[in-house]
């Protein structure tokens, strides 16, 4: 029983809404179908367009005053960049088609530091030190040079006492000076 009452109330609301829509539609057709409404709507549209153009021009002048690009400037730069990007892609395609296939690049890794095994089966290091001194180890430091007579003078100069500075006198406050 409660469901039937709810359906009847819902049906009544739907009928009321349908009648309201019909009345509004008849009024709107009568109002908008006149020549006066068409002229008024056209004038409002033109006024809106002129205001928008005026604001756009004013904003462009203000942006130019602050040395900033306007919306049109950014749009034109974007379109020019798209054209340049397309040209660049065509150039890359032509270069790929014109260039012969090259040998693959060497694999990235540490450089080779050892020579291949010699005839006796032992690997030899590829350093210059081993070529000069056969008994020297790879990575060993070279022997130090003999000391010269100038070396002791440098040591003595380092040990010389530094001059003492006189202590700075503190500045007297302005109140004490008077």
N, C-alpha and C. Protein backbone atom coordinates (compact mmCIF):
# COMPACT_ATOMS: atom_id res chain seq x y z
N UNK A 1 0.81 -1.18 0.00
CA UNK A 1 0.00 0.00 0.00
C UNK A 1 0.86 1.26 0.00
N UNK A 2 1.94 1.22 0.78
CA UNK A 2 2.84 2.39 0.85
C UNK A 2 3.53 2.60 -0.50
N UNK A 3 3.81 1.49 -1.18
CA UNK A 3 4.47 1.61 -2.48
C UNK A 3 3.56 2.26 -3.50
N UNK A 4 2.26 1.91 -3.46
CA UNK A 4 1.30 2.49 -4.40
C UNK A 4 1.12 3.98 -4.15
N UNK A 5 1.14 4.37 -2.91
CA UNK A 5 1.01 5.80 -2.58
C UNK A 5 2.23 6.56 -3.07
N UNK A 6 3.42 5.96 -2.95
CA UNK A 6 4.65 6.59 -3.43
C UNK A 6 4.65 6.73 -4.94
N UNK A 7 4.14 5.73 -5.61
CA UNK A 7 4.06 5.78 -7.08
C UNK A 7 3.09 6.85 -7.53
N UNK A 8 1.96 6.95 -6.86
CA UNK A 8 0.96 7.97 -7.24
C UNK A 8 1.52 9.37 -7.01
N UNK A 9 2.26 9.56 -5.91
CA UNK A 9 2.85 10.87 -5.64
C UNK A 9 3.92 11.18 -6.68
N UNK A 10 4.72 10.18 -7.05
CA UNK A 10 5.76 10.36 -8.07
C UNK A 10 5.16 10.68 -9.41
N UNK A 11 4.04 10.04 -9.75
CA UNK A 11 3.36 10.31 -11.01
C UNK A 11 2.82 11.74 -11.04
N UNK A 12 2.30 12.20 -9.92
CA UNK A 12 1.77 13.56 -9.84
C UNK A 12 2.88 14.60 -10.02
N UNK A 13 4.05 14.34 -9.44
CA UNK A 13 5.19 15.27 -9.57
C UNK A 13 5.66 15.30 -11.02
N UNK A 14 5.74 14.16 -11.65
CA UNK A 14 6.18 14.09 -13.05
C UNK A 14 5.23 14.88 -13.95
N UNK A 15 3.92 14.72 -13.72
CA UNK A 15 2.93 15.45 -14.53
C UNK A 15 3.05 16.95 -14.31
N UNK A 16 3.31 17.39 -13.07
CA UNK A 16 3.46 18.82 -12.78
C UNK A 16 4.70 19.38 -13.48
N UNK A 17 5.77 18.63 -13.48
CA UNK A 17 7.01 19.08 -14.13
C UNK A 17 6.80 19.15 -15.64
N UNK A 18 6.13 18.19 -16.21
CA UNK A 18 5.88 18.19 -17.67
C UNK A 18 5.03 19.40 -18.06
N UNK A 19 4.01 19.73 -17.27
CA UNK A 19 3.16 20.90 -17.57
C UNK A 19 3.98 22.19 -17.45
N UNK A 20 4.87 22.27 -16.43
CA UNK A 20 5.72 23.46 -16.25
C UNK A 20 6.66 23.64 -17.44
N UNK A 21 7.23 22.55 -17.91
CA UNK A 21 8.12 22.62 -19.07
C UNK A 21 7.36 23.09 -20.32
N UNK A 22 6.17 22.64 -20.52
CA UNK A 22 5.37 23.05 -21.68
C UNK A 22 5.07 24.55 -21.62
N UNK A 23 4.70 25.07 -20.44
CA UNK A 23 4.39 26.50 -20.30
C UNK A 23 5.65 27.35 -20.55
N UNK A 24 6.80 26.92 -19.97
CA UNK A 24 8.05 27.68 -20.17
C UNK A 24 8.45 27.65 -21.64
N UNK A 25 8.28 26.51 -22.29
CA UNK A 25 8.62 26.38 -23.71
C UNK A 25 7.76 27.32 -24.55
N UNK A 26 6.47 27.41 -24.23
CA UNK A 26 5.57 28.30 -24.98
C UNK A 26 5.98 29.76 -24.77
N UNK A 27 6.31 30.15 -23.54
CA UNK A 27 6.75 31.52 -23.27
C UNK A 27 8.08 31.84 -23.98
N UNK A 28 9.03 30.92 -23.91
CA UNK A 28 10.33 31.13 -24.54
C UNK A 28 10.20 31.25 -26.05
N UNK A 29 9.37 30.42 -26.64
CA UNK A 29 9.15 30.49 -28.09
C UNK A 29 8.52 31.83 -28.46
N UNK A 30 7.57 32.28 -27.68
CA UNK A 30 6.92 33.56 -27.97
C UNK A 30 7.89 34.71 -27.80
N UNK A 31 8.76 34.63 -26.78
CA UNK A 31 9.71 35.72 -26.51
C UNK A 31 10.87 35.70 -27.50
N UNK A 32 11.47 34.54 -27.71
CA UNK A 32 12.67 34.45 -28.54
C UNK A 32 12.36 34.45 -30.02
N UNK A 33 11.19 34.24 -30.38
CA UNK A 33 10.81 34.23 -31.79
C UNK A 33 10.60 35.62 -32.37
N UNK A 34 10.71 36.66 -31.56
CA UNK A 34 10.46 38.02 -32.05
C UNK A 34 11.73 38.62 -32.64
N UNK A 35 11.53 39.63 -33.47
CA UNK A 35 12.64 40.34 -34.11
C UNK A 35 13.42 41.14 -33.06
N UNK A 36 12.75 41.68 -32.10
CA UNK A 36 13.41 42.47 -31.05
C UNK A 36 14.42 41.62 -30.27
N UNK A 37 14.03 40.39 -29.92
CA UNK A 37 14.93 39.52 -29.17
C UNK A 37 16.17 39.20 -30.01
N UNK A 38 16.00 38.93 -31.29
CA UNK A 38 17.14 38.62 -32.15
C UNK A 38 18.11 39.79 -32.21
N UNK A 39 17.57 41.03 -32.34
CA UNK A 39 18.43 42.21 -32.38
C UNK A 39 19.16 42.40 -31.05
N UNK A 40 18.45 42.22 -29.94
CA UNK A 40 19.05 42.39 -28.61
C UNK A 40 20.13 41.34 -28.36
N UNK A 41 19.86 40.11 -28.73
CA UNK A 41 20.85 39.05 -28.55
C UNK A 41 22.09 39.31 -29.40
N UNK A 42 21.89 39.79 -30.63
CA UNK A 42 23.00 40.12 -31.52
C UNK A 42 23.83 41.27 -30.95
N UNK A 43 23.16 42.31 -30.43
CA UNK A 43 23.86 43.44 -29.85
C UNK A 43 24.66 43.01 -28.61
N UNK A 44 24.08 42.16 -27.77
CA UNK A 44 24.78 41.68 -26.57
C UNK A 44 26.01 40.86 -26.96
N UNK A 45 25.87 40.05 -27.99
CA UNK A 45 26.99 39.24 -28.45
C UNK A 45 28.12 40.12 -28.99
N UNK A 46 27.75 41.15 -29.79
CA UNK A 46 28.77 42.07 -30.33
C UNK A 46 29.45 42.85 -29.22
N UNK A 47 28.67 43.28 -28.23
CA UNK A 47 29.24 44.02 -27.10
C UNK A 47 30.23 43.15 -26.33
N UNK A 48 29.88 41.91 -26.10
CA UNK A 48 30.77 40.99 -25.40
C UNK A 48 32.07 40.80 -26.19
N UNK A 49 31.97 40.66 -27.50
CA UNK A 49 33.15 40.48 -28.34
C UNK A 49 34.05 41.71 -28.29
N UNK A 50 33.48 42.93 -28.35
CA UNK A 50 34.29 44.15 -28.29
C UNK A 50 34.97 44.31 -26.95
N UNK A 51 34.26 43.98 -25.87
CA UNK A 51 34.87 44.07 -24.53
C UNK A 51 36.02 43.08 -24.41
N UNK A 52 35.82 41.90 -24.92
CA UNK A 52 36.87 40.89 -24.86
C UNK A 52 38.09 41.32 -25.67
N UNK A 53 37.89 41.89 -26.86
CA UNK A 53 39.01 42.37 -27.67
C UNK A 53 39.73 43.53 -26.98
N UNK A 54 38.96 44.43 -26.36
CA UNK A 54 39.57 45.55 -25.65
C UNK A 54 40.42 45.08 -24.48
N UNK A 55 39.88 44.14 -23.72
CA UNK A 55 40.65 43.60 -22.59
C UNK A 55 41.90 42.86 -23.07
N UNK A 56 41.76 42.14 -24.17
CA UNK A 56 42.90 41.42 -24.71
C UNK A 56 43.99 42.40 -25.16
N UNK A 57 43.61 43.48 -25.84
CA UNK A 57 44.57 44.49 -26.26
C UNK A 57 45.22 45.17 -25.07
N UNK A 58 44.41 45.49 -24.06
CA UNK A 58 44.95 46.12 -22.85
C UNK A 58 45.94 45.20 -22.15
N UNK A 59 45.60 43.93 -22.05
CA UNK A 59 46.49 42.97 -21.41
C UNK A 59 47.79 42.81 -22.20
N UNK A 60 47.69 42.80 -23.53
CA UNK A 60 48.90 42.69 -24.36
C UNK A 60 49.81 43.90 -24.14
N UNK A 61 49.22 45.10 -24.04
CA UNK A 61 50.03 46.30 -23.79
C UNK A 61 50.70 46.24 -22.42
N UNK A 62 49.95 45.76 -21.41
CA UNK A 62 50.53 45.66 -20.07
C UNK A 62 51.65 44.63 -20.04
N UNK A 63 51.46 43.51 -20.71
CA UNK A 63 52.51 42.49 -20.75
C UNK A 63 53.74 43.02 -21.49
N UNK A 64 53.52 43.77 -22.57
CA UNK A 64 54.65 44.36 -23.30
C UNK A 64 55.38 45.36 -22.42
N UNK A 65 54.64 46.09 -21.60
CA UNK A 65 55.25 47.06 -20.69
C UNK A 65 56.19 46.35 -19.71
N UNK A 66 55.81 45.18 -19.25
CA UNK A 66 56.63 44.41 -18.32
C UNK A 66 57.57 43.44 -19.05
N UNK A 67 57.66 43.58 -20.37
CA UNK A 67 58.56 42.77 -21.20
C UNK A 67 58.24 41.27 -21.07
N UNK A 68 56.94 40.95 -21.10
CA UNK A 68 56.49 39.57 -21.02
C UNK A 68 55.68 39.24 -22.28
N UNK A 69 55.70 37.98 -22.73
CA UNK A 69 54.96 37.61 -23.94
C UNK A 69 53.46 37.50 -23.68
N UNK A 70 52.69 37.81 -24.69
CA UNK A 70 51.24 37.67 -24.58
C UNK A 70 50.85 36.24 -24.96
N UNK A 71 49.58 35.94 -24.86
CA UNK A 71 49.11 34.59 -25.21
C UNK A 71 49.36 34.31 -26.69
N UNK A 72 49.14 35.30 -27.52
CA UNK A 72 49.36 35.12 -28.96
C UNK A 72 50.84 34.89 -29.26
N UNK A 73 51.72 35.60 -28.53
CA UNK A 73 53.15 35.40 -28.73
C UNK A 73 53.57 33.98 -28.38
N UNK A 74 53.07 33.47 -27.26
CA UNK A 74 53.41 32.12 -26.85
C UNK A 74 52.85 31.10 -27.84
N UNK A 75 51.64 31.33 -28.34
CA UNK A 75 51.04 30.41 -29.31
C UNK A 75 51.84 30.40 -30.62
N UNK A 76 52.29 31.58 -31.07
CA UNK A 76 53.06 31.63 -32.32
C UNK A 76 54.42 30.97 -32.14
N UNK A 77 55.04 31.15 -30.97
CA UNK A 77 56.32 30.49 -30.71
C UNK A 77 56.13 28.98 -30.70
N UNK A 78 55.05 28.51 -30.09
CA UNK A 78 54.76 27.08 -30.06
C UNK A 78 54.58 26.50 -31.46
N UNK A 79 53.86 27.21 -32.31
CA UNK A 79 53.65 26.70 -33.67
C UNK A 79 54.97 26.70 -34.45
N UNK A 80 55.80 27.74 -34.26
CA UNK A 80 57.10 27.75 -34.94
C UNK A 80 57.99 26.62 -34.45
N UNK A 81 57.94 26.32 -33.16
CA UNK A 81 58.74 25.21 -32.63
C UNK A 81 58.29 23.87 -33.20
N UNK A 82 56.99 23.73 -33.39
CA UNK A 82 56.48 22.48 -33.98
C UNK A 82 57.00 22.32 -35.41
N UNK A 83 57.02 23.42 -36.18
CA UNK A 83 57.53 23.37 -37.55
C UNK A 83 59.01 23.01 -37.55
N UNK A 84 59.78 23.62 -36.64
CA UNK A 84 61.21 23.33 -36.56
C UNK A 84 61.44 21.88 -36.17
N UNK A 85 60.64 21.37 -35.24
CA UNK A 85 60.78 19.98 -34.82
C UNK A 85 60.49 19.03 -35.98
N UNK A 86 59.47 19.32 -36.78
CA UNK A 86 59.16 18.47 -37.94
C UNK A 86 60.30 18.50 -38.94
N UNK A 87 60.89 19.68 -39.19
CA UNK A 87 62.03 19.78 -40.10
C UNK A 87 63.20 18.96 -39.58
N UNK A 88 63.46 19.04 -38.29
CA UNK A 88 64.57 18.31 -37.69
C UNK A 88 64.36 16.80 -37.83
N UNK A 89 63.14 16.34 -37.63
CA UNK A 89 62.86 14.92 -37.80
C UNK A 89 63.10 14.47 -39.24
N UNK A 90 62.69 15.30 -40.22
CA UNK A 90 62.94 14.95 -41.63
C UNK A 90 64.43 14.90 -41.92
N UNK A 91 65.19 15.83 -41.37
CA UNK A 91 66.65 15.85 -41.59
C UNK A 91 67.28 14.60 -40.98
N UNK A 92 66.86 14.21 -39.78
CA UNK A 92 67.39 13.01 -39.15
C UNK A 92 67.08 11.77 -39.98
N UNK A 93 65.87 11.69 -40.51
CA UNK A 93 65.51 10.54 -41.35
C UNK A 93 66.38 10.49 -42.59
N UNK A 94 66.63 11.63 -43.23
CA UNK A 94 67.48 11.66 -44.42
C UNK A 94 68.90 11.26 -44.09
N UNK A 95 69.41 11.72 -42.96
CA UNK A 95 70.77 11.36 -42.57
C UNK A 95 70.89 9.87 -42.30
N UNK A 96 69.89 9.29 -41.64
CA UNK A 96 69.92 7.85 -41.37
C UNK A 96 69.87 7.06 -42.67
N UNK A 97 69.08 7.54 -43.63
CA UNK A 97 68.97 6.83 -44.90
C UNK A 97 70.25 6.98 -45.72
N UNK A 98 70.91 8.14 -45.64
CA UNK A 98 72.10 8.40 -46.44
C UNK A 98 73.36 7.80 -45.83
N UNK A 99 73.45 7.70 -44.53
CA UNK A 99 74.66 7.21 -43.86
C UNK A 99 74.69 5.69 -43.90
N UNK A 100 75.84 5.12 -44.25
CA UNK A 100 75.94 3.65 -44.24
C UNK A 100 76.01 3.16 -42.80
N UNK A 101 75.68 1.91 -42.62
CA UNK A 101 75.75 1.33 -41.29
C UNK A 101 77.21 1.30 -40.85
N UNK A 102 77.47 1.76 -39.67
CA UNK A 102 78.83 1.78 -39.14
C UNK A 102 79.04 0.59 -38.23
N UNK A 103 80.30 0.32 -37.95
CA UNK A 103 80.62 -0.79 -37.05
C UNK A 103 80.11 -0.44 -35.66
N UNK A 104 79.70 -1.44 -34.90
CA UNK A 104 79.20 -1.15 -33.56
C UNK A 104 80.32 -0.55 -32.71
N UNK A 105 79.95 0.30 -31.82
CA UNK A 105 80.91 0.97 -30.95
C UNK A 105 81.51 -0.05 -29.98
N UNK A 106 82.75 0.26 -29.52
CA UNK A 106 83.40 -0.63 -28.56
C UNK A 106 82.59 -0.65 -27.28
N UNK A 107 82.52 -1.80 -26.65
CA UNK A 107 81.77 -1.87 -25.41
C UNK A 107 82.44 -1.00 -24.34
N UNK A 108 81.64 -0.35 -23.57
CA UNK A 108 82.17 0.49 -22.51
C UNK A 108 82.73 -0.39 -21.42
N UNK A 109 83.91 -0.09 -20.99
CA UNK A 109 84.54 -0.88 -19.94
C UNK A 109 85.92 -0.33 -19.68
N UNK A 110 86.61 -0.93 -18.75
CA UNK A 110 87.95 -0.44 -18.45
C UNK A 110 88.89 -0.72 -19.60
N UNK A 111 89.91 0.11 -19.77
CA UNK A 111 90.86 -0.12 -20.87
C UNK A 111 91.71 -1.35 -20.58
N UNK A 112 92.21 -1.94 -21.62
CA UNK A 112 93.08 -3.11 -21.46
C UNK A 112 94.41 -2.66 -20.91
N UNK A 113 94.90 -3.31 -19.89
CA UNK A 113 96.17 -2.92 -19.28
C UNK A 113 97.21 -4.03 -19.38
N UNK A 114 96.85 -5.16 -19.87
CA UNK A 114 97.80 -6.26 -19.98
C UNK A 114 97.96 -6.65 -21.42
N UNK A 115 99.16 -7.08 -21.73
CA UNK A 115 99.42 -7.58 -23.07
C UNK A 115 99.00 -9.04 -23.14
N UNK A 116 98.73 -9.51 -24.34
CA UNK A 116 98.38 -10.93 -24.46
C UNK A 116 99.57 -11.81 -24.06
N UNK A 117 99.32 -13.06 -23.73
CA UNK A 117 100.41 -13.96 -23.30
C UNK A 117 101.49 -14.05 -24.36
N UNK A 118 102.74 -14.10 -23.90
CA UNK A 118 103.88 -14.22 -24.83
C UNK A 118 104.08 -15.68 -25.19
N UNK A 119 105.17 -15.94 -25.86
CA UNK A 119 105.45 -17.29 -26.32
C UNK A 119 105.65 -18.25 -25.15
N UNK A 120 106.18 -17.76 -24.03
CA UNK A 120 106.44 -18.66 -22.90
C UNK A 120 105.18 -18.91 -22.06
N UNK A 121 104.05 -18.27 -22.40
CA UNK A 121 102.80 -18.54 -21.73
C UNK A 121 102.48 -17.61 -20.58
N UNK A 122 103.39 -16.69 -20.22
CA UNK A 122 103.14 -15.75 -19.13
C UNK A 122 102.67 -14.42 -19.69
N UNK A 123 101.73 -13.76 -19.01
CA UNK A 123 101.26 -12.44 -19.42
C UNK A 123 102.26 -11.40 -18.95
N UNK A 124 102.49 -10.43 -19.81
CA UNK A 124 103.43 -9.37 -19.46
C UNK A 124 102.66 -8.08 -19.26
N UNK A 125 103.01 -7.29 -18.22
CA UNK A 125 102.33 -6.01 -18.02
C UNK A 125 102.68 -5.04 -19.14
N UNK A 126 101.75 -4.14 -19.41
CA UNK A 126 101.93 -3.20 -20.52
C UNK A 126 102.37 -1.83 -20.02
N UNK A 127 103.29 -1.78 -19.06
CA UNK A 127 103.76 -0.50 -18.55
C UNK A 127 105.14 -0.19 -19.08
N UNK A 128 105.52 1.05 -19.12
CA UNK A 128 106.84 1.47 -19.60
C UNK A 128 107.92 1.08 -18.61
N UNK A 129 107.61 1.06 -17.33
CA UNK A 129 108.60 0.73 -16.30
C UNK A 129 109.12 -0.67 -16.50
N UNK A 130 108.26 -1.60 -16.92
CA UNK A 130 108.70 -2.98 -17.11
C UNK A 130 109.62 -3.08 -18.32
N UNK A 131 109.46 -2.23 -19.30
CA UNK A 131 110.34 -2.27 -20.45
C UNK A 131 111.73 -1.74 -20.09
N UNK A 132 111.85 -0.80 -19.17
CA UNK A 132 113.13 -0.22 -18.79
C UNK A 132 113.87 -1.11 -17.80
N UNK A 133 113.18 -1.56 -16.79
CA UNK A 133 113.81 -2.37 -15.75
C UNK A 133 113.10 -3.71 -15.67
N UNK A 134 113.70 -4.76 -16.18
CA UNK A 134 113.01 -6.04 -16.19
C UNK A 134 112.71 -6.58 -14.80
N UNK A 135 113.50 -6.23 -13.78
CA UNK A 135 113.27 -6.75 -12.44
C UNK A 135 112.28 -5.92 -11.64
N UNK A 136 111.85 -4.77 -12.15
CA UNK A 136 110.97 -3.87 -11.39
C UNK A 136 109.55 -4.43 -11.38
N UNK A 137 108.85 -4.18 -10.26
CA UNK A 137 107.47 -4.61 -10.16
C UNK A 137 106.56 -3.61 -10.85
N UNK A 138 105.42 -4.10 -11.31
CA UNK A 138 104.43 -3.19 -11.91
C UNK A 138 103.82 -2.35 -10.81
N UNK A 139 103.75 -1.06 -11.00
CA UNK A 139 103.15 -0.16 -10.02
C UNK A 139 104.11 0.27 -8.93
N UNK A 140 105.38 -0.17 -8.97
CA UNK A 140 106.34 0.23 -7.95
C UNK A 140 106.77 1.67 -8.18
N UNK A 141 107.13 2.35 -7.10
CA UNK A 141 107.56 3.73 -7.21
C UNK A 141 108.99 3.78 -7.70
N UNK A 142 109.36 4.77 -8.52
CA UNK A 142 110.74 4.88 -8.97
C UNK A 142 111.63 5.30 -7.80
N UNK A 143 112.90 4.98 -7.93
CA UNK A 143 113.86 5.31 -6.86
C UNK A 143 113.97 6.82 -6.72
N UNK A 144 114.17 7.30 -5.47
CA UNK A 144 114.28 8.74 -5.21
C UNK A 144 115.59 9.28 -5.75
N UNK A 145 115.57 10.54 -6.16
CA UNK A 145 116.79 11.17 -6.66
C UNK A 145 117.69 11.50 -5.49
N UNK A 146 118.98 11.64 -5.78
CA UNK A 146 119.93 11.99 -4.73
C UNK A 146 119.68 13.41 -4.28
N UNK A 147 119.88 13.66 -2.99
CA UNK A 147 119.66 14.98 -2.42
C UNK A 147 120.74 15.94 -2.92
N UNK A 148 120.36 17.18 -3.13
CA UNK A 148 121.32 18.20 -3.56
C UNK A 148 121.65 19.09 -2.39
N UNK A 149 122.58 20.00 -2.59
CA UNK A 149 123.01 20.90 -1.53
C UNK A 149 121.93 21.91 -1.16
N UNK A 150 121.00 22.18 -2.05
CA UNK A 150 119.96 23.17 -1.78
C UNK A 150 118.92 22.64 -0.80
N UNK A 151 118.82 21.35 -0.67
CA UNK A 151 117.80 20.77 0.20
C UNK A 151 117.98 21.15 1.66
N UNK A 152 119.20 21.10 2.25
CA UNK A 152 119.31 21.49 3.66
C UNK A 152 118.98 22.96 3.89
N UNK A 153 119.25 23.83 2.94
CA UNK A 153 118.94 25.25 3.10
C UNK A 153 117.43 25.46 3.18
N UNK A 154 116.68 24.68 2.44
CA UNK A 154 115.22 24.79 2.49
C UNK A 154 114.70 24.37 3.86
N UNK A 155 115.29 23.32 4.43
CA UNK A 155 114.85 22.86 5.74
C UNK A 155 115.12 23.92 6.78
N UNK A 156 116.28 24.56 6.70
CA UNK A 156 116.63 25.59 7.67
C UNK A 156 115.70 26.78 7.55
N UNK A 157 115.32 27.12 6.33
CA UNK A 157 114.42 28.25 6.13
C UNK A 157 113.05 27.95 6.73
N UNK A 158 112.62 26.72 6.72
CA UNK A 158 111.32 26.36 7.28
C UNK A 158 111.34 26.45 8.80
N UNK A 159 112.48 26.18 9.41
CA UNK A 159 112.58 26.17 10.86
C UNK A 159 112.82 27.55 11.45
N UNK A 160 113.08 28.58 10.63
CA UNK A 160 113.36 29.92 11.15
C UNK A 160 112.14 30.43 11.90
N UNK A 161 112.35 31.08 13.07
CA UNK A 161 111.21 31.58 13.84
C UNK A 161 110.53 32.73 13.11
N UNK A 162 109.24 32.75 13.24
CA UNK A 162 108.48 33.83 12.61
C UNK A 162 108.53 35.06 13.49
N UNK A 163 108.42 36.23 12.86
CA UNK A 163 108.43 37.48 13.62
C UNK A 163 107.15 37.57 14.43
N UNK A 164 107.30 38.07 15.64
CA UNK A 164 106.12 38.24 16.48
C UNK A 164 105.48 39.57 16.16
N UNK A 165 104.20 39.57 16.10
CA UNK A 165 103.45 40.81 15.87
C UNK A 165 103.17 41.48 17.20
N UNK A 166 103.13 42.79 17.11
CA UNK A 166 102.77 43.54 18.31
C UNK A 166 101.27 43.39 18.53
N UNK A 167 100.85 43.25 19.77
CA UNK A 167 99.41 43.10 20.01
C UNK A 167 98.67 44.37 19.61
N UNK A 168 97.50 44.19 19.07
CA UNK A 168 96.69 45.33 18.66
C UNK A 168 96.08 45.99 19.87
N UNK A 169 96.03 47.28 19.79
CA UNK A 169 95.39 48.02 20.87
C UNK A 169 93.91 48.10 20.57
N UNK A 170 93.11 47.88 21.56
CA UNK A 170 91.66 47.93 21.38
C UNK A 170 91.24 49.38 21.19
N UNK A 171 90.29 49.61 20.33
CA UNK A 171 89.80 50.96 20.08
C UNK A 171 89.04 51.44 21.31
N UNK A 172 89.28 52.68 21.68
CA UNK A 172 88.59 53.23 22.85
C UNK A 172 87.18 53.58 22.46
N UNK A 173 86.25 53.35 23.34
CA UNK A 173 84.87 53.74 23.04
C UNK A 173 84.77 55.27 22.95
N UNK A 174 83.80 55.72 22.17
CA UNK A 174 83.62 57.14 21.95
C UNK A 174 83.31 57.89 23.24
N UNK A 175 82.64 57.27 24.17
CA UNK A 175 82.28 57.92 25.43
C UNK A 175 83.51 58.11 26.29
N UNK A 176 84.45 57.17 26.29
CA UNK A 176 85.64 57.27 27.12
C UNK A 176 86.60 58.32 26.57
N UNK A 177 86.60 58.58 25.27
CA UNK A 177 87.51 59.54 24.65
C UNK A 177 87.14 60.97 25.03
N UNK A 178 85.93 61.27 25.37
CA UNK A 178 85.50 62.65 25.66
C UNK A 178 85.79 63.06 27.03
